Amino acid sequence: MVIHVDAIQDLSPHDFMEIKEEHIQLNESLSLLCTTCHNIGNELDCQSCSREKLATCQGRLVSFFYNVINFSATHFKHEESIMLRQPGVTKDDEDFCRHQQAHIDMLNALNEIISECDVLDARGKTAEAYRNLCNKMSEQFKEHDRVFDCIYLKARQSEASIQEPISQFISPAAKMWAAI
């Protein structure tokens, strides 16, 4: 899953690298989540797994719950601080407020997904909990990216290009990373 690499390439080199690293961490975390359960790609549940594997999956699931919420909240705050450093953006900016509300909504949705998955796990449906968590989290992040992050950053890039081309502030190293 590529998360708005095109849109973040026009940030300052420092902000670009920080957001890019956070997105890499998110992708790695989602990948680990989606590959931890051996039955995530089928309709089987945990009967085919050893007790040790089941215990490991159950323990990791709880860890994923906490890590997802903590990482997401930290990332959203960081992203908002970068937005507020953009020319002409204040806490009262309509786009910023909508984006900030989307972050709040996303955290609420993630908490709801986690609650649903926790119930599934408690009922002995750990593989189904993994499937739901992986699929629903991926959908949430993709939708947020599609609706907010790309549009917000592209709008800011357009505004900046009217005032002063932002690309002149991008280092060759940042442009290279964007191509990767």
C-alpha atoms as a PDB file:
ATOM      1  CA  MET A   1       0.000   0.000   0.000  1.00  0.00           C
ATOM      2  CA  VAL A   2       1.490   3.315  -1.072  1.00  0.00           C
ATOM      3  CA  ILE A   3       0.230   6.218   1.004  1.00  0.00           C
ATOM      4  CA  HIS A   4       0.168   9.537  -0.883  1.00  0.00           C
ATOM      5  CA  VAL A   5       3.829   9.503  -1.883  1.00  0.00           C
ATOM      6  CA  ASP A   6       3.059  11.853  -4.782  1.00  0.00           C
ATOM      7  CA  ALA A   7       1.404  14.429  -2.532  1.00  0.00           C
ATOM      8  CA  ILE A   8       4.092  14.550   0.155  1.00  0.00           C
ATOM      9  CA  GLN A   9       6.966  14.996  -2.281  1.00  0.00           C
ATOM     10  CA  ASP A  10       6.426  18.753  -2.382  1.00  0.00           C
ATOM     11  CA  LEU A  11       6.841  19.300   1.361  1.00  0.00           C
ATOM     12  CA  SER A  12      10.069  20.712   2.745  1.00  0.00           C
ATOM     13  CA  PRO A  13      12.807  18.063   2.624  1.00  0.00           C
ATOM     14  CA  HIS A  14      12.769  17.619   6.411  1.00  0.00           C
ATOM     15  CA  ASP A  15       8.966  17.309   6.636  1.00  0.00           C
ATOM     16  CA  PHE A  16       8.937  15.069   3.582  1.00  0.00           C
ATOM     17  CA  MET A  17      11.410  12.637   5.138  1.00  0.00           C
ATOM     18  CA  GLU A  18       9.596  12.556   8.483  1.00  0.00           C
ATOM     19  CA  ILE A  19       6.190  11.879   6.935  1.00  0.00           C
ATOM     20  CA  LYS A  20       7.691   9.377   4.499  1.00  0.00           C
ATOM     21  CA  GLU A  21       9.304   7.491   7.408  1.00  0.00           C
ATOM     22  CA  GLU A  22       6.037   7.469   9.332  1.00  0.00           C
ATOM     23  CA  HIS A  23       4.210   6.112   6.296  1.00  0.00           C
ATOM     24  CA  ILE A  24       6.866   3.429   5.875  1.00  0.00           C
ATOM     25  CA  GLN A  25       6.392   2.470   9.535  1.00  0.00           C
ATOM     26  CA  LEU A  26       2.625   2.364   9.043  1.00  0.00           C
ATOM     27  CA  ASN A  27       2.992   0.208   5.933  1.00  0.00           C
ATOM     28  CA  GLU A  28       5.361  -2.146   7.754  1.00  0.00           C
ATOM     29  CA  SER A  29       3.013  -2.366  10.724  1.00  0.00           C
ATOM     30  CA  LEU A  30       0.043  -3.126   8.468  1.00  0.00           C
ATOM     31  CA  SER A  31       2.100  -5.672   6.570  1.00  0.00           C
ATOM     32  CA  LEU A  32       3.148  -7.374   9.800  1.00  0.00           C
ATOM     33  CA  LEU A  33      -0.449  -7.358  10.987  1.00  0.00           C
ATOM     34  CA  CYS A  34      -1.662  -8.863   7.719  1.00  0.00           C
ATOM     35  CA  THR A  35       0.990 -11.606   7.687  1.00  0.00           C
ATOM     36  CA  THR A  36       0.976 -12.625  11.361  1.00  0.00           C
ATOM     37  CA  CYS A  37      -2.079 -14.849  11.092  1.00  0.00           C
ATOM     38  CA  HIS A  38      -1.542 -17.836   8.807  1.00  0.00           C
ATOM     39  CA  ASN A  39      -5.284 -18.047   8.133  1.00  0.00           C
ATOM     40  CA  ILE A  40      -5.876 -14.437   7.158  1.00  0.00           C
ATOM     41  CA  GLY A  41      -6.222 -15.289   3.468  1.00  0.00           C
ATOM     42  CA  ASN A  42      -8.681 -18.138   3.909  1.00  0.00           C
ATOM     43  CA  GLU A  43     -11.866 -18.899   5.816  1.00  0.00           C
ATOM     44  CA  LEU A  44     -10.177 -21.136   8.367  1.00  0.00           C
ATOM     45  CA  ASP A  45      -9.986 -20.140  11.964  1.00  0.00           C
ATOM     46  CA  CYS A  46      -7.365 -21.117  14.504  1.00  0.00           C
ATOM     47  CA  GLN A  47      -8.110 -24.873  14.703  1.00  0.00           C
ATOM     48  CA  SER A  48      -5.256 -25.564  12.279  1.00  0.00           C
ATOM     49  CA  CYS A  49      -2.727 -23.714  14.465  1.00  0.00           C
ATOM     50  CA  SER A  50      -0.768 -25.004  17.419  1.00  0.00           C
ATOM     51  CA  ARG A  51      -1.568 -23.668  20.897  1.00  0.00           C
ATOM     52  CA  GLU A  52       1.736 -21.781  20.848  1.00  0.00           C
ATOM     53  CA  LYS A  53       0.920 -20.114  17.530  1.00  0.00           C
ATOM     54  CA  LEU A  54      -2.558 -19.215  18.758  1.00  0.00           C
ATOM     55  CA  ALA A  55      -1.133 -17.692  21.964  1.00  0.00           C
ATOM     56  CA  THR A  56       1.370 -15.702  19.917  1.00  0.00           C
ATOM     57  CA  CYS A  57      -1.348 -14.419  17.575  1.00  0.00           C
ATOM     58  CA  GLN A  58      -3.607 -13.462  20.467  1.00  0.00           C
ATOM     59  CA  GLY A  59      -0.791 -11.596  22.221  1.00  0.00           C
ATOM     60  CA  ARG A  60       0.242  -9.794  19.055  1.00  0.00           C
ATOM     61  CA  LEU A  61      -3.343  -8.835  18.318  1.00  0.00           C
ATOM     62  CA  VAL A  62      -3.593  -6.942  21.601  1.00  0.00           C
ATOM     63  CA  SER A  63      -0.238  -5.326  20.855  1.00  0.00           C
ATOM     64  CA  PHE A  64      -1.496  -4.255  17.413  1.00  0.00           C
ATOM     65  CA  PHE A  65      -4.538  -2.672  19.045  1.00  0.00           C
ATOM     66  CA  TYR A  66      -2.417  -0.387  21.196  1.00  0.00           C
ATOM     67  CA  ASN A  67       0.256   0.291  18.604  1.00  0.00           C
ATOM     68  CA  VAL A  68      -2.245   1.295  15.918  1.00  0.00           C
ATOM     69  CA  ILE A  69      -3.991   3.828  18.126  1.00  0.00           C
ATOM     70  CA  ASN A  70      -0.787   5.261  19.595  1.00  0.00           C
ATOM     71  CA  PHE A  71       1.006   5.469  16.252  1.00  0.00           C
ATOM     72  CA  SER A  72      -2.014   6.955  14.477  1.00  0.00           C
ATOM     73  CA  ALA A  73      -2.612   9.613  17.130  1.00  0.00           C
ATOM     74  CA  THR A  74       1.058  10.614  17.114  1.00  0.00           C
ATOM     75  CA  HIS A  75       1.198  10.668  13.312  1.00  0.00           C
ATOM     76  CA  PHE A  76      -1.957  12.769  13.034  1.00  0.00           C
ATOM     77  CA  LYS A  77      -0.638  15.334  15.509  1.00  0.00           C
ATOM     78  CA  HIS A  78       2.626  15.471  13.588  1.00  0.00           C
ATOM     79  CA  GLU A  79       0.827  15.822  10.267  1.00  0.00           C
ATOM     80  CA  GLU A  80      -1.323  18.636  11.686  1.00  0.00           C
ATOM     81  CA  SER A  81       1.747  20.469  12.974  1.00  0.00           C
ATOM     82  CA  ILE A  82       3.258  20.295   9.473  1.00  0.00           C
ATOM     83  CA  MET A  83       0.022  21.612   7.989  1.00  0.00           C
ATOM     84  CA  LEU A  84       0.047  24.541  10.396  1.00  0.00           C
ATOM     85  CA  ARG A  85       3.578  25.448   9.284  1.00  0.00           C
ATOM     86  CA  GLN A  86       2.419  25.841   5.675  1.00  0.00           C
ATOM     87  CA  PRO A  87       2.013  29.429   4.428  1.00  0.00           C
ATOM     88  CA  GLY A  88      -1.370  30.909   5.276  1.00  0.00           C
ATOM     89  CA  VAL A  89      -2.648  27.946   7.295  1.00  0.00           C
ATOM     90  CA  THR A  90      -4.057  28.581  10.760  1.00  0.00           C
ATOM     91  CA  LYS A  91      -6.091  26.499  13.201  1.00  0.00           C
ATOM     92  CA  ASP A  92      -9.161  28.299  11.838  1.00  0.00           C
ATOM     93  CA  ASP A  93      -8.438  27.371   8.212  1.00  0.00           C
ATOM     94  CA  GLU A  94     -11.455  25.526   6.838  1.00  0.00           C
ATOM     95  CA  ASP A  95      -9.400  22.813   5.114  1.00  0.00           C
ATOM     96  CA  PHE A  96      -7.269  22.320   8.202  1.00  0.00           C
ATOM     97  CA  CYS A  97     -10.339  22.026  10.457  1.00  0.00           C
ATOM     98  CA  ARG A  98     -11.937  19.453   8.134  1.00  0.00           C
ATOM     99  CA  HIS A  99      -8.705  17.488   8.022  1.00  0.00           C
ATOM    100  CA  GLN A 100      -8.298  17.644  11.792  1.00  0.00           C
ATOM    101  CA  GLN A 101     -11.904  16.446  12.219  1.00  0.00           C
ATOM    102  CA  ALA A 102     -11.140  13.613   9.805  1.00  0.00           C
ATOM    103  CA  HIS A 103      -8.266  12.586  12.068  1.00  0.00           C
ATOM    104  CA  ILE A 104     -10.609  12.551  15.067  1.00  0.00           C
ATOM    105  CA  ASP A 105     -13.146  10.539  13.079  1.00  0.00           C
ATOM    106  CA  MET A 106     -10.406   8.146  11.960  1.00  0.00           C
ATOM    107  CA  LEU A 107      -9.265   7.534  15.544  1.00  0.00           C
ATOM    108  CA  ASN A 108     -12.882   6.902  16.552  1.00  0.00           C
ATOM    109  CA  ALA A 109     -13.308   4.486  13.644  1.00  0.00           C
ATOM    110  CA  LEU A 110     -10.071   2.692  14.551  1.00  0.00           C
ATOM    111  CA  ASN A 111     -11.241   2.379  18.158  1.00  0.00           C
ATOM    112  CA  GLU A 112     -14.524   0.915  16.932  1.00  0.00           C
ATOM    113  CA  ILE A 113     -12.721  -1.553  14.658  1.00  0.00           C
ATOM    114  CA  ILE A 114     -10.463  -2.567  17.526  1.00  0.00           C
ATOM    115  CA  SER A 115     -13.457  -3.079  19.832  1.00  0.00           C
ATOM    116  CA  GLU A 116     -15.130  -5.314  17.244  1.00  0.00           C
ATOM    117  CA  CYS A 117     -11.932  -7.312  16.771  1.00  0.00           C
ATOM    118  CA  ASP A 118     -11.433  -7.622  20.522  1.00  0.00           C
ATOM    119  CA  VAL A 119     -14.904  -9.164  20.813  1.00  0.00           C
ATOM    120  CA  LEU A 120     -14.123 -11.602  17.983  1.00  0.00           C
ATOM    121  CA  ASP A 121     -10.858 -12.583  19.660  1.00  0.00           C
ATOM    122  CA  ALA A 122     -12.600 -13.075  23.022  1.00  0.00           C
ATOM    123  CA  ARG A 123     -15.057 -15.424  21.275  1.00  0.00           C
ATOM    124  CA  GLY A 124     -12.159 -17.527  19.996  1.00  0.00           C
ATOM    125  CA  LYS A 125     -12.281 -16.098  16.470  1.00  0.00           C
ATOM    126  CA  THR A 126      -8.753 -14.732  16.403  1.00  0.00           C
ATOM    127  CA  ALA A 127      -8.194 -15.313  12.676  1.00  0.00           C
ATOM    128  CA  GLU A 128     -11.430 -13.476  11.866  1.00  0.00           C
ATOM    129  CA  ALA A 129     -10.314 -10.644  14.158  1.00  0.00           C
ATOM    130  CA  TYR A 130      -7.042 -10.402  12.213  1.00  0.00           C
ATOM    131  CA  ARG A 131      -8.867 -10.420   8.870  1.00  0.00           C
ATOM    132  CA  ASN A 132     -11.236  -7.686   9.996  1.00  0.00           C
ATOM    133  CA  LEU A 133      -8.525  -5.574  11.589  1.00  0.00           C
ATOM    134  CA  CYS A 134      -6.230  -5.813   8.574  1.00  0.00           C
ATOM    135  CA  ASN A 135      -8.922  -5.170   5.986  1.00  0.00           C
ATOM    136  CA  LYS A 136     -10.786  -2.422   7.812  1.00  0.00           C
ATOM    137  CA  MET A 137      -7.654  -0.573   8.905  1.00  0.00           C
ATOM    138  CA  SER A 138      -6.267  -0.656   5.379  1.00  0.00           C
ATOM    139  CA  GLU A 139      -9.574   0.647   4.035  1.00  0.00           C
ATOM    140  CA  GLN A 140      -9.671   3.450   6.619  1.00  0.00           C
ATOM    141  CA  PHE A 141      -6.155   4.663   5.859  1.00  0.00           C
ATOM    142  CA  LYS A 142      -6.624   4.437   2.083  1.00  0.00           C
ATOM    143  CA  GLU A 143      -9.898   6.347   2.258  1.00  0.00           C
ATOM    144  CA  HIS A 144      -8.441   9.043   4.515  1.00  0.00           C
ATOM    145  CA  ASP A 145      -5.530   9.424   2.156  1.00  0.00           C
ATOM    146  CA  ARG A 146      -7.753   9.598  -0.916  1.00  0.00           C
ATOM    147  CA  VAL A 147     -10.260  12.052   0.537  1.00  0.00           C
ATOM    148  CA  PHE A 148      -8.034  14.277   2.669  1.00  0.00           C
ATOM    149  CA  ASP A 149      -4.268  13.993   2.497  1.00  0.00           C
ATOM    150  CA  CYS A 150      -3.759  14.067  -1.259  1.00  0.00           C
ATOM    151  CA  ILE A 151      -6.381  16.756  -1.829  1.00  0.00           C
ATOM    152  CA  TYR A 152      -5.157  18.914   1.064  1.00  0.00           C
ATOM    153  CA  LEU A 153      -1.531  18.795   0.015  1.00  0.00           C
ATOM    154  CA  LYS A 154      -2.301  19.347  -3.660  1.00  0.00           C
ATOM    155  CA  ALA A 155      -4.427  22.389  -2.784  1.00  0.00           C
ATOM    156  CA  ARG A 156      -1.564  23.796  -0.704  1.00  0.00           C
ATOM    157  CA  GLN A 157       0.875  23.108  -3.525  1.00  0.00           C
ATOM    158  CA  SER A 158      -1.355  25.032  -5.947  1.00  0.00           C
ATOM    159  CA  GLU A 159      -1.590  27.968  -3.563  1.00  0.00           C
ATOM    160  CA  ALA A 160       2.162  27.930  -3.010  1.00  0.00           C
ATOM    161  CA  SER A 161       2.891  27.786  -6.734  1.00  0.00           C
ATOM    162  CA  ILE A 162       0.866  30.946  -7.251  1.00  0.00           C
ATOM    163  CA  GLN A 163       2.943  32.758  -4.619  1.00  0.00           C
ATOM    164  CA  GLU A 164       6.289  31.072  -5.132  1.00  0.00           C
ATOM    165  CA  PRO A 165       7.076  27.706  -6.715  1.00  0.00           C
ATOM    166  CA  ILE A 166       7.492  25.286  -3.818  1.00  0.00           C
ATOM    167  CA  SER A 167       9.552  22.886  -5.932  1.00  0.00           C
ATOM    168  CA  GLN A 168      12.526  25.224  -5.733  1.00  0.00           C
ATOM    169  CA  PHE A 169      12.772  24.361  -2.031  1.00  0.00           C
ATOM    170  CA  ILE A 170      12.941  20.618  -2.623  1.00  0.00           C
ATOM    171  CA  SER A 171      16.380  19.147  -2.408  1.00  0.00           C
ATOM    172  CA  PRO A 172      17.597  16.756  -5.108  1.00  0.00           C
ATOM    173  CA  ALA A 173      17.691  14.050  -2.403  1.00  0.00           C
ATOM    174  CA  ALA A 174      14.005  14.575  -1.631  1.00  0.00           C
ATOM    175  CA  LYS A 175      13.162  14.374  -5.322  1.00  0.00           C
ATOM    176  CA  MET A 176      15.126  11.153  -5.531  1.00  0.00           C
ATOM    177  CA  TRP A 177      13.211   9.672  -2.574  1.00  0.00           C
ATOM    178  CA  ALA A 178       9.932  10.652  -4.193  1.00  0.00           C
ATOM    179  CA  ALA A 179      10.851   8.640  -7.256  1.00  0.00           C
ATOM    180  CA  ILE A 180      11.417   5.508  -5.193  1.00  0.00           C
END
